[in-house]
Protein backbone atom coordinates (compact mmCIF):
# COMPACT_ATOMS: atom_id res chain seq x y z
CA UNK A 1 0.00 0.00 0.00
CA UNK A 2 1.40 3.40 -0.99
CA UNK A 3 1.89 6.06 1.62
CA UNK A 4 -0.26 9.18 1.49
CA UNK A 5 2.67 11.35 0.39
CA UNK A 6 3.74 9.00 -2.42
CA UNK A 7 0.26 8.15 -3.64
CA UNK A 8 -0.57 11.29 -5.64
CA UNK A 9 -3.85 9.77 -6.78
CA UNK A 10 -5.31 9.97 -3.27
CA UNK A 11 -7.97 12.62 -2.75
CA UNK A 12 -6.41 13.51 0.60
CA UNK A 13 -3.34 14.71 -1.28
CA UNK A 14 -5.25 17.87 -2.21
CA UNK A 15 -5.69 18.75 1.46
CA UNK A 16 -1.96 18.24 2.06
CA UNK A 17 -1.08 20.47 -0.91
CA UNK A 18 -3.40 23.23 0.35
CA UNK A 19 -1.90 23.12 3.85
CA UNK A 20 1.67 22.99 2.53
CA UNK A 21 1.04 25.88 0.16
CA UNK A 22 -0.37 28.07 2.93
CA UNK A 23 2.53 27.21 5.24
CA UNK A 24 5.31 27.57 2.66
CA UNK A 25 4.02 30.69 0.94
CA UNK A 26 2.96 32.29 4.22
CA UNK A 27 6.45 31.97 5.68
CA UNK A 28 8.10 33.13 2.45
CA UNK A 29 5.75 36.11 2.18
CA UNK A 30 6.39 37.23 5.77
CA UNK A 31 10.18 36.86 5.57
CA UNK A 32 10.59 38.43 2.14
CA UNK A 33 8.21 41.28 2.96
CA UNK A 34 10.30 42.04 6.04
CA UNK A 35 13.47 42.07 3.93
CA UNK A 36 11.92 44.66 1.61
CA UNK A 37 11.51 47.23 4.38
CA UNK A 38 15.07 48.58 4.02
CA UNK A 39 14.98 49.26 0.24
CA UNK A 40 11.46 50.71 0.56
CA UNK A 41 12.62 53.14 3.26
CA UNK A 42 15.63 54.14 1.15
CA UNK A 43 13.46 54.63 -1.92
CA UNK A 44 11.02 56.79 0.04
CA UNK A 45 13.83 58.99 1.34
CA UNK A 46 15.23 59.41 -2.18
CA UNK A 47 11.78 60.32 -3.47
CA UNK A 48 11.42 62.91 -0.71
CA UNK A 49 14.81 64.38 -1.67
CA UNK A 50 13.77 64.59 -5.32
CA UNK A 51 16.46 62.15 -6.51
CA UNK A 52 14.10 59.63 -8.11
CA UNK A 53 12.11 60.22 -11.27
CA UNK A 54 8.35 59.76 -11.36
CA UNK A 55 8.70 56.83 -13.80
CA UNK A 56 11.06 54.95 -11.49
CA UNK A 57 8.79 55.56 -8.52
CA UNK A 58 5.72 54.41 -10.48
CA UNK A 59 7.35 51.21 -11.71
CA UNK A 60 8.75 50.40 -8.28
CA UNK A 61 5.27 50.82 -6.80
CA UNK A 62 3.95 48.49 -9.52
CA UNK A 63 6.34 45.70 -8.52
CA UNK A 64 5.44 46.18 -4.85
CA UNK A 65 1.75 46.01 -5.77
CA UNK A 66 2.40 42.72 -7.57
CA UNK A 67 4.10 41.40 -4.45
CA UNK A 68 1.14 42.49 -2.31
CA UNK A 69 -1.19 40.79 -4.80
CA UNK A 70 0.85 37.56 -4.87
CA UNK A 71 -1.38 35.88 -2.20
CA UNK A 72 -4.29 36.34 -4.61
CA UNK A 73 -2.20 34.79 -7.42
CA UNK A 74 -1.41 31.84 -5.14
CA UNK A 75 -5.06 31.31 -4.25
CA UNK A 76 -6.12 31.49 -7.89
CA UNK A 77 -3.42 29.04 -8.99
CA UNK A 78 -4.25 26.71 -6.09
CA UNK A 79 -7.96 26.72 -6.94
CA UNK A 80 -7.24 25.91 -10.60
CA UNK A 81 -4.79 23.18 -9.59
CA UNK A 82 -7.29 21.57 -7.21
CA UNK A 83 -10.07 21.86 -9.80
CA UNK A 84 -8.03 20.18 -12.53
CA UNK A 85 -6.74 17.58 -10.07
CA UNK A 86 -10.32 16.84 -9.02
CA UNK A 87 -11.24 16.26 -12.68
CA UNK A 88 -8.59 13.53 -12.83
CA UNK A 89 -5.88 15.44 -14.70
CA UNK A 90 -2.41 14.06 -13.93
CA UNK A 91 -0.77 17.02 -12.19
CA UNK A 92 2.58 16.65 -10.48
CA UNK A 93 2.84 18.17 -7.01
CA UNK A 94 6.57 18.65 -7.54
CA UNK A 95 5.90 20.73 -10.66
CA UNK A 96 3.29 22.74 -8.75
CA UNK A 97 5.76 23.77 -6.05
CA UNK A 98 8.42 24.49 -8.68
CA UNK A 99 6.10 26.99 -10.33
CA UNK A 100 5.19 28.44 -6.94
CA UNK A 101 8.85 28.98 -6.10
CA UNK A 102 9.47 30.49 -9.53
CA UNK A 103 6.63 32.96 -9.04
CA UNK A 104 7.99 34.08 -5.67
CA UNK A 105 11.50 34.42 -7.09
CA UNK A 106 10.28 36.17 -10.26
CA UNK A 107 8.36 38.89 -8.41
CA UNK A 108 11.15 39.35 -5.88
CA UNK A 109 13.87 39.66 -8.53
CA UNK A 110 11.77 42.17 -10.51
CA UNK A 111 11.52 44.37 -7.42
CA UNK A 112 15.29 44.50 -7.11
CA UNK A 113 15.84 44.90 -10.87
CA UNK A 114 13.65 48.00 -10.87
CA UNK A 115 15.34 49.17 -7.68
CA UNK A 116 18.91 48.75 -8.99
CA UNK A 117 18.48 49.81 -12.61
CA UNK A 118 16.09 52.63 -11.76
CA UNK A 119 18.31 54.21 -9.12
CA UNK A 120 21.39 53.74 -11.30
CA UNK A 121 19.77 55.43 -14.28
CA UNK A 122 18.38 58.28 -12.17
CA UNK A 123 21.75 58.74 -10.49
CA UNK A 124 23.63 58.88 -13.79
CA UNK A 125 21.11 61.32 -15.23
CA UNK A 126 21.26 63.57 -12.16
CA UNK A 127 25.05 63.74 -12.26
CA UNK A 128 25.24 64.70 -15.92
CA UNK A 129 25.51 68.31 -16.94
CA UNK A 130 21.97 69.58 -17.43
CA UNK A 131 22.98 71.33 -20.64
CA UNK A 132 23.83 67.98 -22.22
CA UNK A 133 20.23 66.87 -21.82
CA UNK A 134 18.15 70.02 -22.15
CA UNK A 135 20.13 72.71 -23.95
CA UNK A 136 19.49 71.46 -27.48
CA UNK A 137 17.53 72.69 -30.44
CA UNK A 138 14.06 71.41 -31.26
CA UNK A 139 15.43 69.46 -34.22
CA UNK A 140 17.71 67.44 -31.97
CA UNK A 141 15.42 67.02 -28.98
CA UNK A 142 15.49 63.33 -28.00
CA UNK A 143 13.70 63.56 -24.64
CA UNK A 144 10.79 61.40 -25.84
CA UNK A 145 13.18 58.75 -27.15
CA UNK A 146 14.98 58.63 -23.81
CA UNK A 147 11.66 58.26 -22.04
CA UNK A 148 10.64 55.44 -24.38
CA UNK A 149 13.90 53.58 -23.84
CA UNK A 150 13.55 53.95 -20.07
CA UNK A 151 10.01 52.55 -20.20
CA UNK A 152 11.20 49.59 -22.29
CA UNK A 153 13.95 48.92 -19.76
CA UNK A 154 11.46 48.97 -16.88
CA UNK A 155 9.04 46.61 -18.59
CA UNK A 156 11.95 44.29 -19.40
CA UNK A 157 12.74 44.25 -15.67
CA UNK A 158 9.10 43.41 -14.96
CA UNK A 159 9.11 40.37 -17.27
CA UNK A 160 10.22 37.86 -14.58
CA UNK A 161 7.30 38.87 -12.35
CA UNK A 162 4.70 38.80 -15.13
CA UNK A 163 5.85 35.56 -16.77
CA UNK A 164 6.33 33.51 -13.60
CA UNK A 165 3.02 34.68 -12.11
CA UNK A 166 1.14 33.81 -15.29
CA UNK A 167 2.82 30.41 -15.58
CA UNK A 168 1.97 29.50 -12.01
CA UNK A 169 -1.68 30.41 -12.46
CA UNK A 170 -2.31 28.72 -15.81
CA UNK A 171 0.03 25.71 -15.68
CA UNK A 172 -2.78 23.36 -14.52
CA UNK A 173 -4.84 24.40 -17.54
CA UNK A 174 -1.88 23.93 -19.87
CA UNK A 175 -1.28 20.45 -18.46
CA UNK A 176 -4.96 19.57 -18.86
CA UNK A 177 -4.91 20.64 -22.52
CA UNK A 178 -1.68 18.71 -23.09
CA UNK A 179 -3.14 15.57 -21.53
CA UNK A 180 -6.34 15.89 -23.58
CA UNK A 181 -4.32 16.27 -26.78
CA UNK A 182 -2.27 13.16 -26.00
CA UNK A 183 -5.35 11.08 -25.17
CA UNK A 184 -7.13 12.23 -28.32
CA UNK A 185 -4.10 11.28 -30.39
CA UNK A 186 -3.92 7.84 -28.80
CA UNK A 187 -7.62 7.22 -29.41
CA UNK A 188 -7.24 8.19 -33.04
CA UNK A 189 -4.30 5.83 -33.51
CA UNK A 190 -6.20 2.98 -31.87
CA UNK A 191 -9.17 3.56 -34.19
CA UNK A 192 -6.91 3.52 -37.27
CA UNK A 193 -5.20 0.35 -36.06
CA UNK A 194 -8.55 -1.28 -35.49
CA UNK A 195 -9.67 -0.40 -39.02
CA UNK A 196 -6.52 -1.98 -40.46
CA UNK A 197 -7.04 -5.19 -38.51
CA UNK A 198 -10.70 -5.29 -39.57
CA UNK A 199 -9.74 -4.94 -43.22
CA UNK A 200 -7.25 -7.77 -43.05
CA UNK A 201 -9.89 -10.15 -41.72
């Protein structure tokens, strides 16, 4: 007889996954949120001193909002996983926790990417001679291009958070569609094989 932890077909496994998810993500959320207090305080002081641009501040707030919303992402992904598991879809618990870890890491790394690249870019810009950036003719004004490039850089830094969060939420659905495609293909092959055998008789 298989143990409860090894027998992933047992219905009780869903209860264990729910409890483990709440415990693991809860601890990770508390510890990582506490570690973000120092960079948040530094960012707030820099904003008060006028050393951070509005775009950097807005994007940094966006990553923090994603982190605050991550419990909702976890609940949504967990509900979809339990729903697909209840339908009989073969879903690996190991893969589930891998995606959960990736989502936590992706959001966390995006926060620090925005923090590091944003402060670096604002610091370099602030230390340049103002005439190099503003004292130009209208024909050579590239302020909009600089703003566009900065926005592209910020969204590139946000990619880990967006991609890993989306993958965690929808991976049960992707697995269900993959399983359905495989089963449909096997059924079709069996029907063709049966037709061949019938013809030979």
